[in-house]
Amino acid sequence: MPMVALPTGINMFYEISGDGPPLLLIMGTAADHSTWSSQVAAYKSDFSVITYDARGTGLSTSPSDPTTYSMRVLADDAAALLKILGIDSAHISGLSLGSATAQEFAINYPQMVSSLQLHCTWGRSDEWFCRMIDSMEFPVIHDDLESYIRTALLWVASPHFINERPDDVAAFERGFILENPNPPTKSGLLGHFYADKTHNALDRLNTVKAPTLITSGEMDWQVPTRYGREVHSRIPHADFLIFTGPQSSHIAFHEMPEEWNSRTLNWMKKLLF
């Protein structure tokens, strides 16, 4: 299994699939590299797709102190991985916590960013956002991961997914913890929540120069479109795409993968040709 020791002080698990220009995918809170499986399948014919377990997830190190996690630290990890792999510049795509990590990556390592995608993104954690995170953090603090994933699904999934796809909901919940060979840890979850609640890059986003795509889902309760619009207003010349329809949730990449993959892939391919 590909595991590397990073100069940032953690061991990181990663995978590379496909052939072409490097594309780094950065997943959201508590989710490991495997969550990108549908996207890897769609992208790997055109890109060398790099997925990894961020600190606090999967097989990578989970530091015990939540206050040591931040979007800047997570971005430093991602940059260190690319440097170890000998990659000078890559297309960077992040979702949710991964999008906030990608913001810090683009701000602090601009020379390493060929293009930037920010999905389900926000620029600064306000009081509403922090209280929303608190609602998911509470069961984790009390060691009830089953209640955590049930609570989280109410924020990230669409009513259509919950009501009309009960088998998929059950599989999602089982796969996240019970059937996950490397389930989320309490320390990793609390660290990611801390990073979520302390994110603040809004006033620095004007320094981003790479071609940028920002997307949001009209059914995203967790990171509503108003946050994506605010980020869009701060990044010069960024493109903005809103996914629509009953499954356009925070996890639209999972609920409606064919459209999500097609539209994001087409945006990247326009940059290549």
Protein backbone atom coordinates (compact mmCIF):
# COMPACT_ATOMS: atom_id res chain seq x y z
CA MET A 1 0.00 0.00 0.00
CA PRO A 2 1.42 3.42 -0.93
CA MET A 3 2.16 5.21 2.33
CA VAL A 4 4.57 8.11 2.72
CA ALA A 5 6.01 9.98 5.69
CA LEU A 6 5.42 13.69 5.18
CA PRO A 7 7.66 16.45 6.52
CA THR A 8 4.50 17.86 8.12
CA GLY A 9 4.74 15.08 10.71
CA ILE A 10 2.19 12.50 9.55
CA ASN A 11 2.09 9.33 7.50
CA MET A 12 -0.26 9.58 4.52
CA PHE A 13 -1.95 6.93 2.41
CA TYR A 14 -2.56 7.75 -1.27
CA GLU A 15 -3.49 6.15 -4.59
CA ILE A 16 -2.87 7.16 -8.22
CA SER A 17 -5.10 6.01 -11.06
CA GLY A 18 -5.05 6.78 -14.77
CA ASP A 19 -2.75 8.63 -17.09
CA GLY A 20 -2.42 12.28 -18.02
CA PRO A 21 -1.93 15.59 -16.22
CA PRO A 22 -2.01 15.23 -12.42
CA LEU A 23 -5.33 15.89 -10.69
CA LEU A 24 -5.46 15.96 -6.89
CA LEU A 25 -8.86 15.25 -5.29
CA ILE A 26 -9.39 16.47 -1.71
CA MET A 27 -12.39 14.99 0.11
CA GLY A 28 -14.53 16.47 2.88
CA THR A 29 -14.97 16.01 6.60
CA ALA A 30 -14.15 12.53 7.94
CA ALA A 31 -14.25 10.88 4.49
CA ASP A 32 -11.31 8.89 3.12
CA HIS A 33 -9.95 8.58 -0.42
CA SER A 34 -12.43 5.85 -1.42
CA THR A 35 -15.30 8.34 -1.34
CA TRP A 36 -14.03 9.63 -4.70
CA SER A 37 -14.47 6.24 -6.44
CA SER A 38 -17.04 7.42 -8.98
CA GLN A 39 -14.98 10.47 -9.88
CA VAL A 40 -11.77 8.45 -10.26
CA ALA A 41 -13.55 6.15 -12.71
CA ALA A 42 -14.77 9.15 -14.73
CA TYR A 43 -11.52 11.14 -14.71
CA LYS A 44 -8.77 8.55 -15.06
CA SER A 45 -8.91 8.34 -18.86
CA ASP A 46 -7.81 11.97 -19.08
CA PHE A 47 -5.88 12.56 -15.85
CA SER A 48 -3.54 10.92 -13.40
CA VAL A 49 -5.95 11.06 -10.48
CA ILE A 50 -4.40 11.30 -7.02
CA THR A 51 -6.60 10.54 -4.02
CA TYR A 52 -5.46 10.32 -0.43
CA ASP A 53 -6.55 9.97 3.16
CA ALA A 54 -6.23 13.40 4.76
CA ARG A 55 -4.87 13.52 8.29
CA GLY A 56 -7.59 12.25 10.57
CA THR A 57 -9.05 9.80 8.02
CA GLY A 58 -8.49 6.30 6.71
CA LEU A 59 -4.98 4.90 7.04
CA SER A 60 -3.31 8.27 7.54
CA THR A 61 -2.22 9.57 10.93
CA SER A 62 -4.91 11.01 13.22
CA PRO A 63 -3.26 13.46 15.65
CA SER A 64 -5.03 13.40 19.02
CA ASP A 65 -5.27 17.17 19.60
CA PRO A 66 -8.17 18.62 17.54
CA THR A 67 -6.70 22.13 17.76
CA THR A 68 -3.71 21.04 15.68
CA TYR A 69 -6.00 20.61 12.64
CA SER A 70 -6.59 23.56 10.34
CA MET A 71 -7.22 24.10 6.65
CA ARG A 72 -3.67 25.48 6.33
CA VAL A 73 -2.20 22.37 7.95
CA LEU A 74 -4.32 20.14 5.68
CA ALA A 75 -3.15 22.16 2.66
CA ASP A 76 0.48 21.82 3.78
CA ASP A 77 -0.03 18.05 3.91
CA ALA A 78 -1.42 18.01 0.36
CA ALA A 79 1.43 20.14 -0.98
CA ALA A 80 3.99 17.93 0.77
CA LEU A 81 2.47 14.84 -0.86
CA LEU A 82 2.74 16.36 -4.34
CA LYS A 83 6.34 17.38 -3.73
CA ILE A 84 7.26 13.86 -2.60
CA LEU A 85 5.60 12.52 -5.76
CA GLY A 86 7.71 14.91 -7.83
CA ILE A 87 4.71 16.88 -9.08
CA ASP A 88 5.38 20.58 -9.59
CA SER A 89 1.82 21.55 -10.47
CA ALA A 90 -1.56 19.81 -10.47
CA HIS A 91 -5.23 20.43 -11.04
CA ILE A 92 -6.73 20.72 -7.55
CA SER A 93 -10.34 19.78 -6.77
CA GLY A 94 -11.78 19.88 -3.26
CA LEU A 95 -15.21 19.24 -1.81
CA SER A 96 -16.56 20.72 1.44
CA LEU A 97 -13.67 20.60 3.95
CA GLY A 98 -11.62 19.62 0.92
CA SER A 99 -12.66 22.82 -0.84
CA ALA A 100 -11.54 24.92 2.13
CA THR A 101 -8.25 23.00 2.12
CA ALA A 102 -7.98 23.73 -1.61
CA GLN A 103 -8.49 27.44 -0.95
CA GLU A 104 -5.53 27.47 1.42
CA PHE A 105 -3.54 25.41 -1.08
CA ALA A 106 -4.20 27.91 -3.88
CA ILE A 107 -3.43 30.90 -1.64
CA ASN A 108 -0.19 29.51 -0.22
CA TYR A 109 1.11 27.39 -3.11
CA PRO A 110 -0.10 29.27 -6.20
CA GLN A 111 2.70 27.94 -8.41
CA MET A 112 1.50 24.39 -7.78
CA VAL A 113 -2.09 24.96 -8.98
CA SER A 114 -2.89 24.36 -12.65
CA SER A 115 -6.61 24.84 -12.01
CA LEU A 116 -8.88 24.94 -8.98
CA GLN A 117 -12.29 23.46 -8.28
CA LEU A 118 -14.18 24.40 -5.13
CA HIS A 119 -17.29 22.27 -4.55
CA CYS A 120 -19.76 22.92 -1.71
CA THR A 121 -17.49 25.69 -0.52
CA TRP A 122 -17.46 28.56 1.95
CA GLY A 123 -14.91 31.27 2.66
CA ARG A 124 -15.40 32.00 6.35
CA SER A 125 -17.15 30.10 9.12
CA ASP A 126 -19.87 32.33 10.57
CA GLU A 127 -22.05 31.64 13.60
CA TRP A 128 -24.72 29.75 11.64
CA PHE A 129 -22.11 27.51 10.07
CA CYS A 130 -20.41 26.78 13.40
CA ARG A 131 -23.72 25.86 15.05
CA MET A 132 -24.46 23.50 12.18
CA ILE A 133 -21.11 21.77 12.73
CA ASP A 134 -21.86 21.64 16.48
CA SER A 135 -24.97 19.56 15.74
CA MET A 136 -22.80 16.89 14.12
CA GLU A 137 -20.02 17.17 16.68
CA PHE A 138 -22.27 16.52 19.70
CA PRO A 139 -22.80 12.75 19.17
CA VAL A 140 -19.11 12.29 18.39
CA ILE A 141 -18.13 13.94 21.67
CA HIS A 142 -20.42 11.40 23.36
CA ASP A 143 -18.90 8.46 21.42
CA ASP A 144 -22.05 7.78 19.38
CA LEU A 145 -20.78 7.50 15.81
CA GLU A 146 -24.00 5.82 14.65
CA SER A 147 -25.99 8.92 15.63
CA TYR A 148 -23.31 11.09 14.05
CA ILE A 149 -23.74 9.62 10.59
CA ARG A 150 -27.54 9.69 10.87
CA THR A 151 -27.38 13.36 11.85
CA ALA A 152 -24.82 14.17 9.18
CA LEU A 153 -26.95 12.59 6.46
CA LEU A 154 -29.78 15.01 7.26
CA TRP A 155 -27.41 17.86 6.45
CA VAL A 156 -25.59 16.42 3.45
CA ALA A 157 -28.19 14.28 1.66
CA SER A 158 -31.32 15.32 -0.20
CA PRO A 159 -34.85 14.45 0.95
CA HIS A 160 -35.08 12.38 -2.24
CA PHE A 161 -32.09 10.28 -1.17
CA ILE A 162 -33.44 9.77 2.35
CA ASN A 163 -37.04 9.09 1.31
CA GLU A 164 -36.74 7.31 -2.03
CA ARG A 165 -33.46 5.38 -1.77
CA PRO A 166 -33.59 3.58 1.62
CA ASP A 167 -31.27 0.79 0.49
CA ASP A 168 -28.65 3.32 -0.60
CA VAL A 169 -29.04 5.20 2.67
CA ALA A 170 -28.51 2.00 4.65
CA ALA A 171 -25.47 1.11 2.54
CA PHE A 172 -24.05 4.60 3.00
CA GLU A 173 -24.43 4.41 6.77
CA ARG A 174 -22.98 0.89 6.98
CA GLY A 175 -20.09 1.72 4.67
CA PHE A 176 -19.10 4.80 6.60
CA ILE A 177 -18.55 3.00 9.89
CA LEU A 178 -19.66 -0.62 10.36
CA GLU A 179 -18.29 -2.00 7.08
CA ASN A 180 -15.41 0.46 6.77
CA PRO A 181 -12.06 -1.29 7.34
CA ASN A 182 -10.64 2.06 8.47
CA PRO A 183 -13.58 3.92 10.03
CA PRO A 184 -13.37 7.53 11.21
CA THR A 185 -11.78 8.03 14.60
CA LYS A 186 -13.05 10.34 17.31
CA SER A 187 -9.83 12.34 17.21
CA GLY A 188 -9.96 12.68 13.44
CA LEU A 189 -13.60 13.75 13.44
CA LEU A 190 -13.07 16.35 16.16
CA GLY A 191 -10.00 17.62 14.35
CA HIS A 192 -11.92 18.04 11.10
CA PHE A 193 -14.77 19.78 12.91
CA TYR A 194 -12.25 22.17 14.46
CA ALA A 195 -10.80 22.94 11.02
CA ASP A 196 -14.31 23.45 9.63
CA LYS A 197 -15.26 25.91 12.37
CA THR A 198 -12.04 27.93 12.21
CA HIS A 199 -11.78 28.28 8.43
CA ASN A 200 -11.28 31.89 7.35
CA ALA A 201 -9.83 32.60 3.92
CA LEU A 202 -12.46 34.95 2.50
CA ASP A 203 -10.37 38.12 2.58
CA ARG A 204 -7.42 36.36 0.91
CA LEU A 205 -9.28 34.71 -1.97
CA ASN A 206 -8.61 37.66 -4.24
CA THR A 207 -5.01 36.40 -4.53
CA VAL A 208 -6.12 33.21 -6.33
CA LYS A 209 -4.99 33.42 -9.96
CA ALA A 210 -5.59 29.90 -11.27
CA PRO A 211 -8.62 29.14 -13.45
CA THR A 212 -11.34 28.35 -10.92
CA LEU A 213 -14.68 26.55 -10.95
CA ILE A 214 -17.02 26.95 -7.98
CA THR A 215 -20.04 24.68 -7.71
CA SER A 216 -23.00 24.43 -5.39
CA GLY A 217 -26.16 22.35 -5.17
CA GLU A 218 -29.53 24.00 -4.79
CA MET A 219 -30.45 21.26 -2.29
CA ASP A 220 -27.29 21.66 -0.22
CA TRP A 221 -28.42 22.41 3.34
CA GLN A 222 -24.99 22.08 4.91
CA VAL A 223 -23.14 24.63 2.79
CA PRO A 224 -25.91 26.67 1.16
CA THR A 225 -25.36 28.35 -2.17
CA ARG A 226 -25.04 31.77 -0.52
CA TYR A 227 -21.59 30.72 0.70
CA GLY A 228 -20.51 29.65 -2.78
CA ARG A 229 -21.69 32.95 -4.22
CA GLU A 230 -19.64 34.81 -1.64
CA VAL A 231 -16.51 32.85 -2.58
CA HIS A 232 -17.25 33.45 -6.26
CA SER A 233 -17.41 37.19 -5.65
CA ARG A 234 -13.88 37.16 -4.22
CA ILE A 235 -12.00 35.11 -6.86
CA PRO A 236 -11.37 37.05 -10.06
CA HIS A 237 -12.74 35.46 -13.24
CA ALA A 238 -14.03 32.32 -11.50
CA ASP A 239 -16.80 30.25 -13.07
CA PHE A 240 -19.87 29.39 -11.03
CA LEU A 241 -22.11 26.36 -11.55
CA ILE A 242 -25.24 25.43 -9.61
CA PHE A 243 -26.43 21.83 -9.78
CA THR A 244 -30.21 21.63 -9.75
CA GLY A 245 -32.87 19.01 -9.23
CA PRO A 246 -34.06 16.82 -6.35
CA GLN A 247 -30.66 15.19 -5.81
CA SER A 248 -28.48 18.31 -6.00
CA SER A 249 -27.38 18.00 -2.38
CA HIS A 250 -24.09 18.43 -0.57
CA ILE A 251 -23.29 14.91 -1.79
CA ALA A 252 -24.51 15.47 -5.33
CA PHE A 253 -21.26 13.85 -6.46
CA HIS A 254 -22.68 10.65 -4.91
CA GLU A 255 -26.40 11.11 -5.57
CA MET A 256 -26.16 12.24 -9.21
CA PRO A 257 -22.62 11.22 -10.24
CA GLU A 258 -23.11 11.04 -14.00
CA GLU A 259 -24.07 14.70 -14.35
CA TRP A 260 -21.66 15.85 -11.65
CA ASN A 261 -18.73 14.02 -13.23
CA SER A 262 -19.59 15.06 -16.77
CA ARG A 263 -19.86 18.76 -16.03
CA THR A 264 -16.74 18.94 -13.88
CA LEU A 265 -14.72 16.85 -16.35
CA ASN A 266 -15.82 18.97 -19.30
CA TRP A 267 -14.72 22.11 -17.46
CA MET A 268 -11.26 20.66 -16.89
CA LYS A 269 -10.92 19.36 -20.43
CA LYS A 270 -11.63 22.81 -21.85
CA LEU A 271 -8.47 23.97 -20.09
CA LEU A 272 -6.41 21.28 -21.83
CA PHE A 273 -7.56 21.75 -25.41
